[in-house]
C-alpha atoms as a PDB file:
ATOM      1  CA  MET A   1       0.000   0.000   0.000  1.00  0.00           C
ATOM      2  CA  THR A   2       1.167   3.518  -0.817  1.00  0.00           C
ATOM      3  CA  SER A   3       2.343   5.277   2.314  1.00  0.00           C
ATOM      4  CA  ASN A   4       3.564   8.732   3.161  1.00  0.00           C
ATOM      5  CA  PHE A   5       7.128   7.396   3.175  1.00  0.00           C
ATOM      6  CA  ASP A   6       6.717   5.838  -0.257  1.00  0.00           C
ATOM      7  CA  LEU A   7       5.272   9.027  -1.718  1.00  0.00           C
ATOM      8  CA  SER A   8       7.955  11.222  -0.200  1.00  0.00           C
ATOM      9  CA  SER A   9      10.774   9.010  -1.413  1.00  0.00           C
ATOM     10  CA  ARG A  10       9.208   8.585  -4.834  1.00  0.00           C
ATOM     11  CA  PHE A  11       8.885  12.322  -5.419  1.00  0.00           C
ATOM     12  CA  VAL A  12      11.820  13.623  -3.427  1.00  0.00           C
ATOM     13  CA  ASP A  13      13.710  14.837  -6.524  1.00  0.00           C
ATOM     14  CA  LEU A  14      11.157  16.954  -8.363  1.00  0.00           C
ATOM     15  CA  PRO A  15      12.712  19.162 -11.040  1.00  0.00           C
ATOM     16  CA  ALA A  16      13.029  22.861 -10.291  1.00  0.00           C
ATOM     17  CA  PRO A  17      11.549  25.327 -12.769  1.00  0.00           C
ATOM     18  CA  ASP A  18      13.873  27.852 -14.397  1.00  0.00           C
ATOM     19  CA  PRO A  19      14.547  30.922 -12.285  1.00  0.00           C
ATOM     20  CA  SER A  20      11.739  33.455 -12.562  1.00  0.00           C
ATOM     21  CA  PRO A  21      12.456  36.428 -14.835  1.00  0.00           C
ATOM     22  CA  ASN A  22      10.284  38.575 -12.528  1.00  0.00           C
ATOM     23  CA  LEU A  23       8.415  40.351 -15.315  1.00  0.00           C
ATOM     24  CA  THR A  24       6.488  43.432 -14.231  1.00  0.00           C
ATOM     25  CA  GLU A  25       5.038  44.865 -17.441  1.00  0.00           C
ATOM     26  CA  PHE A  26       1.887  42.729 -17.556  1.00  0.00           C
ATOM     27  CA  GLY A  27       0.093  44.190 -14.552  1.00  0.00           C
ATOM     28  CA  LYS A  28      -2.239  41.733 -12.825  1.00  0.00           C
ATOM     29  CA  LEU A  29      -1.079  38.999 -15.198  1.00  0.00           C
ATOM     30  CA  ASN A  30       2.565  39.234 -14.127  1.00  0.00           C
ATOM     31  CA  ALA A  31       2.256  36.028 -12.083  1.00  0.00           C
ATOM     32  CA  LEU A  32       0.882  34.116 -15.071  1.00  0.00           C
ATOM     33  CA  ALA A  33       3.553  35.478 -17.421  1.00  0.00           C
ATOM     34  CA  ASN A  34       6.353  34.492 -15.049  1.00  0.00           C
ATOM     35  CA  TRP A  35       4.816  31.045 -14.512  1.00  0.00           C
ATOM     36  CA  LEU A  36       4.567  30.381 -18.259  1.00  0.00           C
ATOM     37  CA  ILE A  37       8.247  31.198 -18.634  1.00  0.00           C
ATOM     38  CA  THR A  38       9.575  29.381 -15.562  1.00  0.00           C
ATOM     39  CA  THR A  39       7.655  26.176 -16.361  1.00  0.00           C
ATOM     40  CA  GLY A  40       8.869  26.274 -19.964  1.00  0.00           C
ATOM     41  CA  LEU A  41       5.356  26.332 -21.424  1.00  0.00           C
ATOM     42  CA  ARG A  42       6.143  29.394 -23.532  1.00  0.00           C
ATOM     43  CA  SER A  43       8.752  27.482 -25.521  1.00  0.00           C
ATOM     44  CA  ARG A  44       6.802  24.243 -26.044  1.00  0.00           C
ATOM     45  CA  VAL A  45       5.452  23.364 -29.471  1.00  0.00           C
ATOM     46  CA  SER A  46       1.766  24.187 -30.160  1.00  0.00           C
ATOM     47  CA  PRO A  47       0.672  24.387 -26.511  1.00  0.00           C
ATOM     48  CA  SER A  48      -2.875  25.359 -27.513  1.00  0.00           C
ATOM     49  CA  ARG A  49      -3.307  21.967 -29.204  1.00  0.00           C
ATOM     50  CA  ALA A  50      -1.719  19.923 -26.445  1.00  0.00           C
ATOM     51  CA  ARG A  51      -4.005  20.448 -23.473  1.00  0.00           C
ATOM     52  CA  GLU A  52      -6.179  18.156 -21.448  1.00  0.00           C
ATOM     53  CA  LEU A  53      -8.809  18.842 -18.813  1.00  0.00           C
ATOM     54  CA  ILE A  54      -8.859  15.843 -16.480  1.00  0.00           C
ATOM     55  CA  VAL A  55     -12.073  15.494 -14.503  1.00  0.00           C
ATOM     56  CA  PHE A  56     -12.298  13.019 -11.642  1.00  0.00           C
ATOM     57  CA  SER A  57     -15.946  12.103 -11.580  1.00  0.00           C
ATOM     58  CA  LYS A  58     -18.384  10.256  -9.363  1.00  0.00           C
ATOM     59  CA  SER A  59     -20.055   8.976 -12.519  1.00  0.00           C
ATOM     60  CA  ASP A  60     -18.739   5.915 -14.344  1.00  0.00           C
ATOM     61  CA  ASP A  61     -20.778   6.480 -17.505  1.00  0.00           C
ATOM     62  CA  ASP A  62     -18.122   7.540 -19.993  1.00  0.00           C
ATOM     63  CA  ARG A  63     -14.450   8.182 -19.574  1.00  0.00           C
ATOM     64  CA  GLU A  64     -14.559  10.724 -22.388  1.00  0.00           C
ATOM     65  CA  SER A  65     -16.834  13.718 -21.944  1.00  0.00           C
ATOM     66  CA  SER A  66     -19.347  14.365 -24.700  1.00  0.00           C
ATOM     67  CA  ARG A  67     -18.885  18.104 -24.171  1.00  0.00           C
ATOM     68  CA  ALA A  68     -15.991  19.874 -25.804  1.00  0.00           C
ATOM     69  CA  LEU A  69     -13.860  22.950 -25.271  1.00  0.00           C
ATOM     70  CA  PRO A  70     -11.934  24.588 -28.113  1.00  0.00           C
ATOM     71  CA  GLY A  71      -8.348  23.380 -28.050  1.00  0.00           C
ATOM     72  CA  ILE A  72      -8.768  21.298 -24.885  1.00  0.00           C
ATOM     73  CA  LYS A  73      -9.384  17.576 -24.699  1.00  0.00           C
ATOM     74  CA  ILE A  74     -11.695  16.607 -21.829  1.00  0.00           C
ATOM     75  CA  SER A  75     -11.289  13.224 -20.167  1.00  0.00           C
ATOM     76  CA  LYS A  76     -13.414  11.949 -17.274  1.00  0.00           C
ATOM     77  CA  HIS A  77     -12.178   9.313 -14.870  1.00  0.00           C
ATOM     78  CA  PRO A  78     -14.449   7.693 -12.261  1.00  0.00           C
ATOM     79  CA  PHE A  79     -12.867   7.507  -8.822  1.00  0.00           C
ATOM     80  CA  ALA A  80     -15.604   5.930  -6.705  1.00  0.00           C
ATOM     81  CA  ASN A  81     -16.140   2.174  -6.669  1.00  0.00           C
ATOM     82  CA  GLN A  82     -16.288  -0.577  -4.101  1.00  0.00           C
ATOM     83  CA  GLU A  83     -12.745  -1.782  -4.728  1.00  0.00           C
ATOM     84  CA  ALA A  84     -11.102   1.630  -4.715  1.00  0.00           C
ATOM     85  CA  SER A  85      -8.632   2.595  -2.014  1.00  0.00           C
ATOM     86  CA  VAL A  86      -6.500   5.655  -1.404  1.00  0.00           C
ATOM     87  CA  ALA A  87      -3.404   3.846  -2.680  1.00  0.00           C
ATOM     88  CA  HIS A  88      -5.235   2.743  -5.816  1.00  0.00           C
ATOM     89  CA  SER A  89      -6.567   6.279  -6.371  1.00  0.00           C
ATOM     90  CA  ILE A  90      -3.114   7.846  -6.029  1.00  0.00           C
ATOM     91  CA  GLU A  91      -1.721   5.356  -8.533  1.00  0.00           C
ATOM     92  CA  LEU A  92      -4.658   6.088 -10.837  1.00  0.00           C
ATOM     93  CA  GLY A  93      -3.736   9.773 -10.828  1.00  0.00           C
ATOM     94  CA  ILE A  94      -0.097   8.950 -11.544  1.00  0.00           C
ATOM     95  CA  GLN A  95      -1.047   6.703 -14.454  1.00  0.00           C
ATOM     96  CA  ILE A  96      -3.428   9.285 -15.936  1.00  0.00           C
ATOM     97  CA  ALA A  97      -0.709  11.940 -15.782  1.00  0.00           C
ATOM     98  CA  ASP A  98       1.753   9.608 -17.489  1.00  0.00           C
ATOM     99  CA  ARG A  99      -0.693   8.708 -20.265  1.00  0.00           C
ATOM    100  CA  ALA A 100      -1.538  12.339 -20.947  1.00  0.00           C
ATOM    101  CA  ILE A 101       2.077  13.510 -20.987  1.00  0.00           C
ATOM    102  CA  ASP A 102       3.228  10.532 -23.069  1.00  0.00           C
ATOM    103  CA  SER A 103       0.549  11.431 -25.635  1.00  0.00           C
ATOM    104  CA  GLY A 104       2.053  14.897 -26.047  1.00  0.00           C
ATOM    105  CA  VAL A 105       0.026  16.991 -23.622  1.00  0.00           C
ATOM    106  CA  SER A 106       2.047  19.976 -22.404  1.00  0.00           C
ATOM    107  CA  LEU A 107      -0.541  21.627 -20.127  1.00  0.00           C
ATOM    108  CA  LEU A 108      -2.951  19.882 -17.767  1.00  0.00           C
ATOM    109  CA  PHE A 109      -6.116  21.180 -16.119  1.00  0.00           C
ATOM    110  CA  VAL A 110      -7.442  19.134 -13.209  1.00  0.00           C
ATOM    111  CA  THR A 111     -10.698  19.164 -11.266  1.00  0.00           C
ATOM    112  CA  SER A 112     -13.370  17.011  -9.604  1.00  0.00           C
ATOM    113  CA  ASP A 113     -17.151  17.028  -9.952  1.00  0.00           C
ATOM    114  CA  ASP A 114     -17.730  15.826  -6.370  1.00  0.00           C
ATOM    115  CA  ASP A 115     -20.354  18.044  -4.755  1.00  0.00           C
ATOM    116  CA  GLY A 116     -18.603  17.963  -1.378  1.00  0.00           C
ATOM    117  CA  LEU A 117     -21.728  17.145   0.625  1.00  0.00           C
ATOM    118  CA  ALA A 118     -19.669  14.962   2.974  1.00  0.00           C
ATOM    119  CA  HIS A 119     -17.661  18.066   4.027  1.00  0.00           C
ATOM    120  CA  ASP A 120     -14.443  16.082   3.584  1.00  0.00           C
ATOM    121  CA  VAL A 121     -12.502  18.907   1.942  1.00  0.00           C
ATOM    122  CA  GLU A 122     -13.551  21.356   4.641  1.00  0.00           C
ATOM    123  CA  ILE A 123     -12.311  18.818   7.182  1.00  0.00           C
ATOM    124  CA  LEU A 124      -9.026  18.284   5.328  1.00  0.00           C
ATOM    125  CA  ILE A 125      -8.300  21.966   4.739  1.00  0.00           C
ATOM    126  CA  GLY A 126      -9.226  22.805   8.321  1.00  0.00           C
ATOM    127  CA  ALA A 127      -6.881  20.119   9.630  1.00  0.00           C
ATOM    128  CA  LEU A 128      -4.034  20.985   7.247  1.00  0.00           C
ATOM    129  CA  THR A 129      -4.173  24.689   8.093  1.00  0.00           C
ATOM    130  CA  ARG A 130      -4.988  24.163  11.786  1.00  0.00           C
ATOM    131  CA  ALA A 131      -8.052  26.372  11.442  1.00  0.00           C
ATOM    132  CA  ASP A 132     -11.122  26.131  13.626  1.00  0.00           C
ATOM    133  CA  ALA A 133     -14.191  24.345  12.313  1.00  0.00           C
ATOM    134  CA  ALA A 134     -16.395  27.449  12.194  1.00  0.00           C
ATOM    135  CA  SER A 135     -13.934  29.199   9.871  1.00  0.00           C
ATOM    136  CA  VAL A 136     -14.136  26.499   7.168  1.00  0.00           C
ATOM    137  CA  ALA A 137     -17.825  25.543   7.329  1.00  0.00           C
ATOM    138  CA  VAL A 138     -19.959  26.918   4.511  1.00  0.00           C
ATOM    139  CA  ARG A 139     -22.508  29.414   5.808  1.00  0.00           C
ATOM    140  CA  THR A 140     -24.347  30.149   2.549  1.00  0.00           C
ATOM    141  CA  ASN A 141     -27.740  28.554   1.895  1.00  0.00           C
ATOM    142  CA  VAL A 142     -27.872  26.693   5.223  1.00  0.00           C
ATOM    143  CA  GLY A 143     -29.950  27.421   8.294  1.00  0.00           C
ATOM    144  CA  ASP A 144     -28.448  28.163  11.679  1.00  0.00           C
ATOM    145  CA  GLN A 145     -29.088  24.686  13.079  1.00  0.00           C
ATOM    146  CA  GLU A 146     -27.706  22.932   9.989  1.00  0.00           C
ATOM    147  CA  TRP A 147     -24.627  25.134  10.070  1.00  0.00           C
ATOM    148  CA  MET A 148     -24.040  24.364  13.750  1.00  0.00           C
ATOM    149  CA  ASP A 149     -24.460  20.638  13.071  1.00  0.00           C
ATOM    150  CA  ASN A 150     -21.944  20.890  10.231  1.00  0.00           C
ATOM    151  CA  VAL A 151     -19.479  22.725  12.448  1.00  0.00           C
ATOM    152  CA  ILE A 152     -19.735  20.022  15.119  1.00  0.00           C
ATOM    153  CA  HIS A 153     -19.210  17.279  12.523  1.00  0.00           C
ATOM    154  CA  ILE A 154     -16.221  19.078  10.968  1.00  0.00           C
ATOM    155  CA  ARG A 155     -14.721  19.785  14.402  1.00  0.00           C
ATOM    156  CA  ASP A 156     -14.956  16.155  15.482  1.00  0.00           C
ATOM    157  CA  GLU A 157     -13.440  14.871  12.247  1.00  0.00           C
ATOM    158  CA  MET A 158     -10.633  17.423  12.358  1.00  0.00           C
ATOM    159  CA  PHE A 159      -9.834  16.244  15.868  1.00  0.00           C
ATOM    160  CA  ALA A 160      -9.694  12.650  14.604  1.00  0.00           C
ATOM    161  CA  LEU A 161      -7.116  13.723  11.995  1.00  0.00           C
ATOM    162  CA  ARG A 162      -4.758  15.412  14.437  1.00  0.00           C
ATOM    163  CA  ASP A 163      -2.280  12.500  14.486  1.00  0.00           C
ATOM    164  CA  LEU A 164      -2.524  11.762  10.735  1.00  0.00           C
ATOM    165  CA  ILE A 165      -1.389  15.077   9.266  1.00  0.00           C
ATOM    166  CA  ALA A 166       2.070  13.725   8.384  1.00  0.00           C
ATOM    167  CA  ASP A 167       0.631  10.741   6.485  1.00  0.00           C
ATOM    168  CA  PRO A 168      -1.376  11.778   3.387  1.00  0.00           C
ATOM    169  CA  SER A 169      -2.581   8.242   2.698  1.00  0.00           C
ATOM    170  CA  ALA A 170      -4.009   7.810   6.195  1.00  0.00           C
ATOM    171  CA  LEU A 171      -5.427  11.325   6.109  1.00  0.00           C
ATOM    172  CA  LEU A 172      -7.315  10.690   2.863  1.00  0.00           C
ATOM    173  CA  ALA A 173      -8.401   7.216   3.939  1.00  0.00           C
ATOM    174  CA  ARG A 174     -10.026   8.676   7.054  1.00  0.00           C
ATOM    175  CA  THR A 175     -12.101  11.138   4.974  1.00  0.00           C
ATOM    176  CA  ASN A 176     -12.554   8.709   2.044  1.00  0.00           C
ATOM    177  CA  SER A 177     -11.512  11.475  -0.366  1.00  0.00           C
ATOM    178  CA  LEU A 178     -10.636   9.304  -3.344  1.00  0.00           C
ATOM    179  CA  ASP A 179     -10.824  12.101  -5.918  1.00  0.00           C
ATOM    180  CA  VAL A 180      -8.452  14.208  -3.817  1.00  0.00           C
ATOM    181  CA  ALA A 181      -6.114  11.198  -3.639  1.00  0.00           C
ATOM    182  CA  ALA A 182      -6.238  10.763  -7.426  1.00  0.00           C
ATOM    183  CA  MET A 183      -5.511  14.451  -7.966  1.00  0.00           C
ATOM    184  CA  LEU A 184      -2.645  14.192  -5.467  1.00  0.00           C
ATOM    185  CA  GLY A 185      -1.052  11.461  -7.582  1.00  0.00           C
ATOM    186  CA  LEU A 186      -1.627  13.430 -10.763  1.00  0.00           C
ATOM    187  CA  ILE A 187      -0.153  16.640  -9.338  1.00  0.00           C
ATOM    188  CA  LEU A 188       2.943  14.890  -8.013  1.00  0.00           C
ATOM    189  CA  GLU A 189       3.559  12.982 -11.244  1.00  0.00           C
ATOM    190  CA  SER A 190       2.963  15.973 -13.523  1.00  0.00           C
ATOM    191  CA  SER A 191       5.412  17.969 -11.386  1.00  0.00           C
ATOM    192  CA  HIS A 192       7.864  15.065 -11.511  1.00  0.00           C
ATOM    193  CA  ARG A 193       7.648  15.207 -15.304  1.00  0.00           C
ATOM    194  CA  ALA A 194       7.972  19.000 -15.439  1.00  0.00           C
ATOM    195  CA  THR A 195       4.483  19.499 -16.856  1.00  0.00           C
ATOM    196  CA  PRO A 196       2.563  22.597 -15.703  1.00  0.00           C
ATOM    197  CA  LEU A 197      -0.914  22.145 -14.306  1.00  0.00           C
ATOM    198  CA  VAL A 198      -3.935  24.420 -13.721  1.00  0.00           C
ATOM    199  CA  LEU A 199      -6.047  23.811 -10.608  1.00  0.00           C
ATOM    200  CA  ILE A 200      -9.818  24.164 -10.912  1.00  0.00           C
ATOM    201  CA  GLY A 201     -11.944  24.163  -7.788  1.00  0.00           C
ATOM    202  CA  GLU A 202     -11.652  23.720  -4.060  1.00  0.00           C
ATOM    203  CA  ARG A 203     -10.908  19.991  -4.186  1.00  0.00           C
ATOM    204  CA  ALA A 204      -7.963  20.523  -6.538  1.00  0.00           C
ATOM    205  CA  TYR A 205      -6.636  23.214  -4.190  1.00  0.00           C
ATOM    206  CA  CYS A 206      -6.875  20.717  -1.325  1.00  0.00           C
ATOM    207  CA  SER A 207      -4.895  18.151  -3.321  1.00  0.00           C
ATOM    208  CA  ALA A 208      -2.247  20.777  -4.042  1.00  0.00           C
ATOM    209  CA  LEU A 209      -1.916  21.547  -0.321  1.00  0.00           C
ATOM    210  CA  ILE A 210      -1.276  17.873   0.388  1.00  0.00           C
ATOM    211  CA  ALA A 211       1.117  17.547  -2.572  1.00  0.00           C
ATOM    212  CA  GLN A 212       3.059  20.506  -1.216  1.00  0.00           C
ATOM    213  CA  ARG A 213       3.526  18.644   2.064  1.00  0.00           C
ATOM    214  CA  VAL A 214       4.824  15.569   0.205  1.00  0.00           C
ATOM    215  CA  ALA A 215       7.134  17.519  -2.123  1.00  0.00           C
ATOM    216  CA  TYR A 216       7.234  21.279  -1.647  1.00  0.00           C
ATOM    217  CA  ARG A 217       8.554  21.969  -5.145  1.00  0.00           C
ATOM    218  CA  SER A 218       5.343  20.634  -6.683  1.00  0.00           C
ATOM    219  CA  ARG A 219       3.701  24.007  -6.026  1.00  0.00           C
ATOM    220  CA  ASP A 220       6.024  25.673  -8.543  1.00  0.00           C
ATOM    221  CA  TRP A 221       4.381  23.713 -11.369  1.00  0.00           C
ATOM    222  CA  LEU A 222       0.845  24.718 -10.357  1.00  0.00           C
ATOM    223  CA  ILE A 223      -1.359  27.718 -10.947  1.00  0.00           C
ATOM    224  CA  PRO A 224      -4.994  28.101  -9.817  1.00  0.00           C
ATOM    225  CA  ALA A 225      -7.534  29.004 -12.479  1.00  0.00           C
ATOM    226  CA  LEU A 226      -9.683  31.328 -10.346  1.00  0.00           C
ATOM    227  CA  ASP A 227      -9.886  32.620  -6.817  1.00  0.00           C
ATOM    228  CA  LEU A 228     -12.156  30.715  -4.446  1.00  0.00           C
ATOM    229  CA  THR A 229     -14.967  32.260  -2.439  1.00  0.00           C
ATOM    230  CA  SER A 230     -15.861  29.447  -0.017  1.00  0.00           C
ATOM    231  CA  PRO A 231     -14.387  29.707   3.500  1.00  0.00           C
ATOM    232  CA  ALA A 232     -12.271  26.557   3.125  1.00  0.00           C
ATOM    233  CA  GLY A 233     -11.299  27.460  -0.448  1.00  0.00           C
ATOM    234  CA  ALA A 234     -10.151  30.947   0.498  1.00  0.00           C
ATOM    235  CA  LEU A 235      -8.099  29.508   3.353  1.00  0.00           C
ATOM    236  CA  ALA A 236      -6.514  26.926   1.041  1.00  0.00           C
ATOM    237  CA  GLN A 237      -5.719  29.641  -1.481  1.00  0.00           C
ATOM    238  CA  GLN A 238      -4.035  31.740   1.180  1.00  0.00           C
ATOM    239  CA  ARG A 239      -1.951  28.799   2.418  1.00  0.00           C
ATOM    240  CA  LEU A 240      -0.989  27.637  -1.081  1.00  0.00           C
ATOM    241  CA  ASP A 241       0.122  31.194  -1.894  1.00  0.00           C
ATOM    242  CA  ARG A 242      -0.208  30.848  -5.662  1.00  0.00           C
ATOM    243  CA  PRO A 243      -1.897  33.790  -7.434  1.00  0.00           C
ATOM    244  CA  PRO A 244      -4.793  32.622  -9.637  1.00  0.00           C
ATOM    245  CA  ILE A 245      -4.983  33.433 -13.336  1.00  0.00           C
ATOM    246  CA  LEU A 246      -8.136  35.489 -12.768  1.00  0.00           C
ATOM    247  CA  GLU A 247      -9.598  36.995  -9.604  1.00  0.00           C
ATOM    248  CA  LEU A 248     -13.354  37.290 -10.068  1.00  0.00           C
ATOM    249  CA  ALA A 249     -14.713  36.771  -6.542  1.00  0.00           C
ATOM    250  CA  MET A 250     -17.472  34.617  -8.035  1.00  0.00           C
ATOM    251  CA  PRO A 251     -18.757  31.252  -6.762  1.00  0.00           C
ATOM    252  CA  PHE A 252     -18.562  28.545  -9.433  1.00  0.00           C
ATOM    253  CA  ALA A 253     -19.213  25.394  -7.351  1.00  0.00           C
ATOM    254  CA  ILE A 254     -18.379  22.419  -9.628  1.00  0.00           C
ATOM    255  CA  ASP A 255     -18.838  24.323 -12.912  1.00  0.00           C
ATOM    256  CA  TYR A 256     -15.392  23.386 -14.190  1.00  0.00           C
ATOM    257  CA  LEU A 257     -16.170  24.015 -17.869  1.00  0.00           C
ATOM    258  CA  SER A 258     -16.809  27.716 -17.289  1.00  0.00           C
ATOM    259  CA  GLN A 259     -13.570  28.036 -15.351  1.00  0.00           C
ATOM    260  CA  ALA A 260     -11.595  26.360 -18.129  1.00  0.00           C
ATOM    261  CA  CYS A 261     -13.355  28.505 -20.748  1.00  0.00           C
ATOM    262  CA  LEU A 262     -12.441  31.666 -18.839  1.00  0.00           C
ATOM    263  CA  THR A 263      -8.788  30.884 -18.206  1.00  0.00           C
ATOM    264  CA  ALA A 264      -7.564  28.986 -21.283  1.00  0.00           C
ATOM    265  CA  PRO A 265      -7.918  32.053 -23.576  1.00  0.00           C
ATOM    266  CA  ILE A 266      -6.017  34.151 -21.015  1.00  0.00           C
ATOM    267  CA  ILE A 267      -3.162  31.668 -21.225  1.00  0.00           C
ATOM    268  CA  ASP A 268      -3.298  31.847 -25.034  1.00  0.00           C
ATOM    269  CA  ALA A 269      -3.267  35.634 -25.009  1.00  0.00           C
ATOM    270  CA  MET A 270      -0.328  35.720 -22.617  1.00  0.00           C
ATOM    271  CA  LEU A 271       1.619  33.236 -24.743  1.00  0.00           C
ATOM    272  CA  GLU A 272       1.050  35.502 -27.747  1.00  0.00           C
ATOM    273  CA  LEU A 273       2.226  38.531 -25.804  1.00  0.00           C
ATOM    274  CA  LEU A 274       5.329  36.706 -24.614  1.00  0.00           C
ATOM    275  CA  SER A 275       6.042  35.531 -28.148  1.00  0.00           C
ATOM    276  CA  SER A 276       5.718  39.021 -29.576  1.00  0.00           C
ATOM    277  CA  ASN A 277       7.929  40.435 -26.828  1.00  0.00           C
ATOM    278  CA  ALA A 278      10.466  37.585 -26.959  1.00  0.00           C
ATOM    279  CA  SER A 279      13.314  39.883 -27.999  1.00  0.00           C
ATOM    280  CA  THR A 280      12.880  41.994 -24.883  1.00  0.00           C
ATOM    281  CA  ILE A 281      12.338  39.177 -22.354  1.00  0.00           C
END
């Protein structure tokens, strides 16, 4: 079974991106411009035709989504079944990353369509950041009694995780967060193979926080698509300390297609700007 020790030893030597050029002429998109250069995406061949949005889904209907995005392949991978385990899910994420990169993909987007009703990500983010339960529990669209019940549940589960923080596998097994485990494997392997990755949604942020604990350098290969507005999401964003491509202060829930549609053209536009300014950068 995959353990924290196995993960740490497996990904101990992640490659370091090139030193940041620290560009300042692109205003609020400076972080994106620097990330595209340091990860090497600017110099890769036809990046707009070598992208894949990987969706970890509760549904096992089709692995390929019937919906399409211009210039982005969408692949769906079910993560929930009776035989699944955290170790299996982590390996699934690693294998998916390898298949995508081996096929020529140079930029990955990753997300999950889990609705989060089990509050597992709130529990995980609260435990990882040592926050209190009330600060991560969603307050919108719930009554006072339901919110208090949620806070009690999150508090008790966070307490149960207190001795598991150093072991990602045990942590994820306790919350049964198989999609987070799969994204953890994918993030670590894509970083290991020097392939940049865009995070979409709260659950992807949570996976990135855990990946950072396994191999800190993994964060250098990541960029969030949008800012998060949920209490747990905002806390994860603050702890991850990676500026998103766009800051809209809008709730998107699990609408990953809209987030990809909003951010992919920004990446394209920035690549064009960098290409046109190549002689001065």
